[in-house]
Amino acid sequence: MTEETLISGKTSLTIYRDAPVWRGRTATVGKFKCEDAEAGAEMLSKACDALKSEGFESVIGPMDGSTWHAYRLVLESDGSAPFVMEPQSKPQNLAAFEKAGFEVIERYFSARVAIESQAHEMPEATEALWVETWDGTDPEGFFRDVHALSLNAFSGNVLYKPISEADFLAMYLPYVPMLVPDLILFARGQQGELAGFLFGLPNYAEGRAPSSVILKTYASLQKGAGAMLAQQFHATAHQIGFSHAIHALIHEDNLSATRSRQEGAGVIRRYGLMGRRLG
């Protein structure tokens, strides 16, 4: 059994035994819910004891199996409303993990910046690199291209675990009705090869006419592609009429974290991924 769900009253979690490797043989716990930190800690401890008896050496969470799915706890917040596709958790969730012996092993943040403060010129294309927007057609083909580049671009990331094309499409195709083609960008190299992509979308959590836009994910295989994509994203968002951009779910050690700080974005939320060794 690779997955197992534990339920007791209003407390529940799912164990994923096919997980990214952290410290030796690793499992994850995800889909975690609790109304009380003590009850949550008790269930987490029970899951860890069972996994230890099976020979697992560490557990990380909350994570629904891999970083392609929901993961992370909120550590700090400025109190602003959650944005679309943002992981959410309650204070007792963090307390439960801490009481069960988990510690923060990776840190992330989301930040907000006034688009008016950014340069609004489109980046200049060069012979070696240029940016194009998605034309809105063939969404399945679009996500196939993104999947292929993601496997390459993210392979060095912390706790990376590949995902099949079929699973990737099943995860992202439901979001197609939410997409604005002008906010989805490709960077192309000298021969027209895909050198990077950026996936942005309006913050529909604000309603049908949101004022903020989310820079959800961007990745590149060629130096300079990421910066070029981000520049065009902000410029396009300004032209469309958005007032703010949310730089979403950035690992604190990534280059994109440095870029976000340089652009003057203010942190609105900090998140943590928790880990426990089963010594």
Protein backbone atom coordinates (compact mmCIF):
# COMPACT_ATOMS: atom_id res chain seq x y z
CA MET A 1 0.00 0.00 0.00
CA THR A 2 1.67 3.24 -1.15
CA GLU A 3 -1.03 5.55 0.24
CA GLU A 4 -2.98 5.27 3.48
CA THR A 5 -5.47 7.65 5.10
CA LEU A 6 -5.85 7.93 8.87
CA ILE A 7 -9.02 9.51 10.32
CA SER A 8 -10.00 10.15 13.92
CA GLY A 9 -12.86 12.56 14.53
CA LYS A 10 -11.96 15.86 12.87
CA THR A 11 -8.29 14.90 12.49
CA SER A 12 -6.99 13.23 9.34
CA LEU A 13 -3.93 12.75 7.20
CA THR A 14 -2.71 10.67 4.29
CA ILE A 15 0.58 8.78 4.27
CA TYR A 16 2.48 8.65 0.96
CA ARG A 17 5.15 5.97 0.85
CA ASP A 18 6.37 6.76 -2.69
CA ALA A 19 8.00 10.08 -1.88
CA PRO A 20 11.03 12.26 -2.63
CA VAL A 21 14.16 11.30 -0.69
CA TRP A 22 15.17 13.54 2.20
CA ARG A 23 17.19 11.59 4.80
CA GLY A 24 17.33 7.94 3.79
CA ARG A 25 14.09 6.14 3.01
CA THR A 26 11.44 8.86 3.16
CA ALA A 27 7.65 9.06 3.35
CA THR A 28 5.44 12.13 3.35
CA VAL A 29 2.26 13.01 5.23
CA GLY A 30 -0.25 15.23 3.50
CA LYS A 31 -3.91 16.27 3.32
CA PHE A 32 -3.48 17.08 6.99
CA LYS A 33 -6.43 18.47 8.95
CA CYS A 34 -6.87 19.04 12.65
CA GLU A 35 -8.99 21.25 14.87
CA ASP A 36 -6.73 20.71 17.88
CA ALA A 37 -2.91 20.68 17.97
CA GLU A 38 -2.76 17.85 20.53
CA ALA A 39 -4.96 15.58 18.44
CA GLY A 40 -3.01 16.46 15.32
CA ALA A 41 0.32 15.74 17.01
CA GLU A 42 -0.99 12.41 18.27
CA MET A 43 -1.97 11.32 14.77
CA LEU A 44 1.31 12.51 13.27
CA SER A 45 3.23 10.58 15.92
CA LYS A 46 1.15 7.49 15.24
CA ALA A 47 1.95 7.75 11.51
CA CYS A 48 5.67 8.20 12.24
CA ASP A 49 5.73 5.17 14.55
CA ALA A 50 4.06 3.02 11.90
CA LEU A 51 6.47 4.21 9.20
CA LYS A 52 9.48 3.58 11.44
CA SER A 53 8.32 -0.01 11.98
CA GLU A 54 8.25 -0.40 8.18
CA GLY A 55 11.86 0.71 7.85
CA PHE A 56 11.37 4.35 6.89
CA GLU A 57 14.11 6.69 8.13
CA SER A 58 12.42 10.08 7.79
CA VAL A 59 9.07 11.80 7.21
CA ILE A 60 8.36 15.18 5.63
CA GLY A 61 5.14 17.13 5.47
CA PRO A 62 2.70 18.44 4.86
CA MET A 63 3.15 17.18 1.31
CA ASP A 64 0.66 15.31 -0.85
CA GLY A 65 3.26 12.90 -2.18
CA SER A 66 5.60 15.29 -4.01
CA THR A 67 6.32 18.97 -4.64
CA TRP A 68 4.11 18.81 -7.75
CA HIS A 69 1.13 18.63 -5.40
CA ALA A 70 0.06 20.61 -2.32
CA TYR A 71 2.76 21.08 0.31
CA ARG A 72 4.04 23.59 2.94
CA LEU A 73 2.60 25.18 6.09
CA VAL A 74 2.07 28.87 6.70
CA LEU A 75 4.66 30.09 9.23
CA GLU A 76 3.95 33.84 9.16
CA SER A 77 1.35 36.07 7.51
CA ASP A 78 0.59 39.75 7.17
CA GLY A 79 -3.09 38.88 7.46
CA SER A 80 -3.93 39.49 3.80
CA ALA A 81 -6.40 37.17 2.10
CA PRO A 82 -5.08 33.98 0.47
CA PHE A 83 -4.47 34.18 -3.27
CA VAL A 84 -5.64 31.62 -5.78
CA MET A 85 -3.72 28.30 -5.70
CA GLU A 86 -1.98 29.29 -2.43
CA PRO A 87 -1.51 26.56 0.20
CA GLN A 88 -3.46 27.32 3.36
CA SER A 89 -3.14 26.05 6.90
CA LYS A 90 -4.29 26.96 10.39
CA PRO A 91 -2.04 27.85 13.36
CA GLN A 92 -2.87 24.54 15.04
CA ASN A 93 -1.46 22.65 12.05
CA LEU A 94 1.99 24.13 12.59
CA ALA A 95 1.71 23.53 16.34
CA ALA A 96 0.77 19.89 15.73
CA PHE A 97 3.82 19.25 13.56
CA GLU A 98 6.09 20.92 16.11
CA LYS A 99 4.60 18.91 19.01
CA ALA A 100 5.14 15.72 16.99
CA GLY A 101 8.86 16.44 16.70
CA PHE A 102 9.00 17.98 13.21
CA GLU A 103 11.26 20.92 12.37
CA VAL A 104 11.34 23.33 9.43
CA ILE A 105 13.67 21.90 6.77
CA GLU A 106 12.87 24.23 3.83
CA ARG A 107 11.56 27.80 3.76
CA TYR A 108 9.54 29.69 1.15
CA PHE A 109 7.74 33.02 0.81
CA SER A 110 5.25 34.95 -1.28
CA ALA A 111 5.65 38.68 -1.87
CA ARG A 112 3.58 41.52 -3.29
CA VAL A 113 4.82 44.43 -5.39
CA ALA A 114 3.14 47.46 -6.94
CA ILE A 115 3.48 47.02 -10.69
CA GLU A 116 3.70 50.79 -11.11
CA SER A 117 7.11 50.61 -9.41
CA GLN A 118 8.48 48.28 -12.08
CA ALA A 119 9.94 49.17 -15.48
CA HIS A 120 7.17 48.84 -18.04
CA GLU A 121 9.17 48.42 -21.23
CA MET A 122 9.03 45.09 -22.99
CA PRO A 123 12.42 43.33 -23.07
CA GLU A 124 14.39 43.67 -26.29
CA ALA A 125 14.79 40.47 -28.28
CA THR A 126 18.29 39.37 -29.25
CA GLU A 127 19.56 36.85 -31.75
CA ALA A 128 20.13 34.43 -28.88
CA LEU A 129 16.90 34.96 -26.91
CA TRP A 130 13.39 36.28 -27.41
CA VAL A 131 9.98 36.01 -25.72
CA GLU A 132 6.59 35.14 -27.16
CA THR A 133 3.14 34.84 -25.60
CA TRP A 134 0.99 31.75 -25.81
CA ASP A 135 -1.63 32.13 -28.53
CA GLY A 136 -4.31 30.39 -26.45
CA THR A 137 -4.66 27.40 -28.76
CA ASP A 138 -3.91 23.73 -28.10
CA PRO A 139 -3.70 23.90 -24.29
CA GLU A 140 -2.76 20.24 -24.10
CA GLY A 141 0.21 20.85 -26.40
CA PHE A 142 1.16 23.89 -24.34
CA PHE A 143 1.24 21.90 -21.11
CA ARG A 144 3.14 19.06 -22.79
CA ASP A 145 5.87 21.56 -23.68
CA VAL A 146 5.84 22.97 -20.14
CA HIS A 147 6.06 19.46 -18.67
CA ALA A 148 9.09 18.60 -20.78
CA LEU A 149 10.93 21.79 -19.86
CA SER A 150 9.96 21.48 -16.18
CA LEU A 151 11.51 18.03 -15.87
CA ASN A 152 14.80 19.50 -17.06
CA ALA A 153 14.67 22.89 -15.32
CA PHE A 154 13.53 21.60 -11.92
CA SER A 155 15.65 18.45 -11.76
CA GLY A 156 18.15 20.11 -9.42
CA ASN A 157 15.52 21.48 -7.04
CA VAL A 158 15.24 20.42 -3.43
CA LEU A 159 13.19 17.22 -3.01
CA TYR A 160 12.69 16.89 -6.76
CA LYS A 161 10.76 13.88 -8.00
CA PRO A 162 9.68 13.57 -11.66
CA ILE A 163 6.03 13.44 -12.65
CA SER A 164 4.55 11.64 -15.64
CA GLU A 165 3.14 13.64 -18.51
CA ALA A 166 -0.31 12.12 -17.96
CA ASP A 167 -0.35 13.12 -14.28
CA PHE A 168 0.94 16.60 -15.12
CA LEU A 169 -1.81 17.15 -17.69
CA ALA A 170 -4.47 15.87 -15.30
CA MET A 171 -3.27 18.37 -12.70
CA TYR A 172 -3.09 21.48 -14.90
CA LEU A 173 -5.66 21.13 -17.69
CA PRO A 174 -8.58 21.92 -15.31
CA TYR A 175 -7.08 25.42 -14.94
CA VAL A 176 -7.35 26.20 -18.66
CA PRO A 177 -10.58 28.28 -18.29
CA MET A 178 -8.72 30.54 -15.83
CA LEU A 179 -5.79 31.27 -18.11
CA VAL A 180 -5.04 34.60 -19.82
CA PRO A 181 -2.74 33.86 -22.78
CA ASP A 182 -0.91 37.19 -22.52
CA LEU A 183 0.28 36.16 -19.04
CA ILE A 184 1.79 32.88 -20.26
CA LEU A 185 5.17 33.37 -21.84
CA PHE A 186 7.80 31.32 -23.63
CA ALA A 187 11.47 32.21 -24.03
CA ARG A 188 13.00 30.91 -27.25
CA GLY A 189 16.64 30.35 -28.07
CA GLN A 190 18.52 31.08 -31.28
CA GLN A 191 17.08 28.08 -33.16
CA GLY A 192 13.57 28.59 -31.78
CA GLU A 193 14.05 25.99 -29.06
CA LEU A 194 12.19 26.40 -25.79
CA ALA A 195 14.56 28.09 -23.32
CA GLY A 196 12.10 28.98 -20.56
CA PHE A 197 8.49 29.57 -19.64
CA LEU A 198 6.44 31.71 -17.25
CA PHE A 199 2.98 30.81 -15.98
CA GLY A 200 0.95 33.70 -14.58
CA LEU A 201 -2.74 34.20 -13.91
CA PRO A 202 -5.10 36.77 -12.39
CA ASN A 203 -5.75 36.44 -8.67
CA TYR A 204 -9.33 35.24 -9.00
CA ALA A 205 -9.54 34.91 -5.22
CA GLU A 206 -10.30 38.66 -5.36
CA GLY A 207 -13.35 38.09 -7.55
CA ARG A 208 -14.13 38.44 -11.24
CA ALA A 209 -12.18 41.68 -11.69
CA PRO A 210 -9.00 41.18 -9.65
CA SER A 211 -6.48 43.98 -9.22
CA SER A 212 -3.53 41.66 -8.65
CA VAL A 213 -1.87 39.08 -10.86
CA ILE A 214 0.12 36.05 -9.76
CA LEU A 215 3.53 35.11 -11.08
CA LYS A 216 2.99 31.45 -10.29
CA THR A 217 5.93 29.63 -11.87
CA TYR A 218 8.82 30.39 -14.14
CA ALA A 219 11.84 28.39 -15.14
CA SER A 220 14.62 28.66 -17.69
CA LEU A 221 17.38 26.61 -19.25
CA GLN A 222 19.35 29.56 -20.64
CA LYS A 223 21.03 32.41 -18.78
CA GLY A 224 18.99 35.60 -18.97
CA ALA A 225 15.73 33.90 -19.93
CA GLY A 226 14.20 34.13 -16.46
CA ALA A 227 14.86 37.84 -16.09
CA MET A 228 13.52 38.51 -19.58
CA LEU A 229 10.34 36.54 -18.88
CA ALA A 230 9.76 38.34 -15.57
CA GLN A 231 10.27 41.76 -17.18
CA GLN A 232 7.73 41.06 -19.90
CA PHE A 233 5.28 39.61 -17.38
CA HIS A 234 5.28 42.79 -15.29
CA ALA A 235 5.08 45.01 -18.35
CA THR A 236 2.16 43.05 -19.79
CA ALA A 237 0.33 42.98 -16.44
CA HIS A 238 0.70 46.77 -16.23
CA GLN A 239 -0.70 47.21 -19.74
CA ILE A 240 -3.68 44.99 -18.94
CA GLY A 241 -4.43 47.14 -15.89
CA PHE A 242 -3.32 45.13 -12.86
CA SER A 243 -2.01 47.22 -9.98
CA HIS A 244 -0.04 44.58 -8.07
CA ALA A 245 1.85 41.37 -8.73
CA ILE A 246 2.24 38.48 -6.32
CA HIS A 247 5.51 36.57 -6.58
CA ALA A 248 4.19 33.24 -5.41
CA LEU A 249 5.74 30.45 -3.35
CA ILE A 250 9.44 31.14 -3.85
CA HIS A 251 12.13 29.06 -2.20
CA GLU A 252 14.28 31.38 -0.08
CA ASP A 253 17.49 30.18 -1.74
CA ASN A 254 16.34 30.50 -5.37
CA LEU A 255 17.56 33.18 -7.79
CA SER A 256 13.94 34.27 -8.17
CA ALA A 257 13.97 35.20 -4.45
CA THR A 258 16.85 37.61 -5.10
CA ARG A 259 15.04 39.10 -8.09
CA SER A 260 11.84 39.57 -6.06
CA ARG A 261 13.72 41.44 -3.34
CA GLN A 262 15.54 43.60 -5.91
CA GLU A 263 12.17 44.58 -7.37
CA GLY A 264 11.05 45.82 -3.97
CA ALA A 265 8.41 43.18 -3.31
CA GLY A 266 7.23 42.96 0.30
CA VAL A 267 6.72 39.55 1.90
CA ILE A 268 3.10 38.73 2.67
CA ARG A 269 3.51 35.10 3.74
CA ARG A 270 6.26 32.73 4.83
CA TYR A 271 5.91 28.97 4.58
CA GLY A 272 7.79 25.95 5.84
CA LEU A 273 8.17 22.33 4.92
CA MET A 274 8.61 20.18 8.01
CA GLY A 275 10.76 17.11 8.51
CA ARG A 276 11.39 14.51 11.19
CA ARG A 277 14.06 11.83 11.34
CA LEU A 278 12.89 8.48 12.64
CA GLY A 279 16.05 7.71 14.61
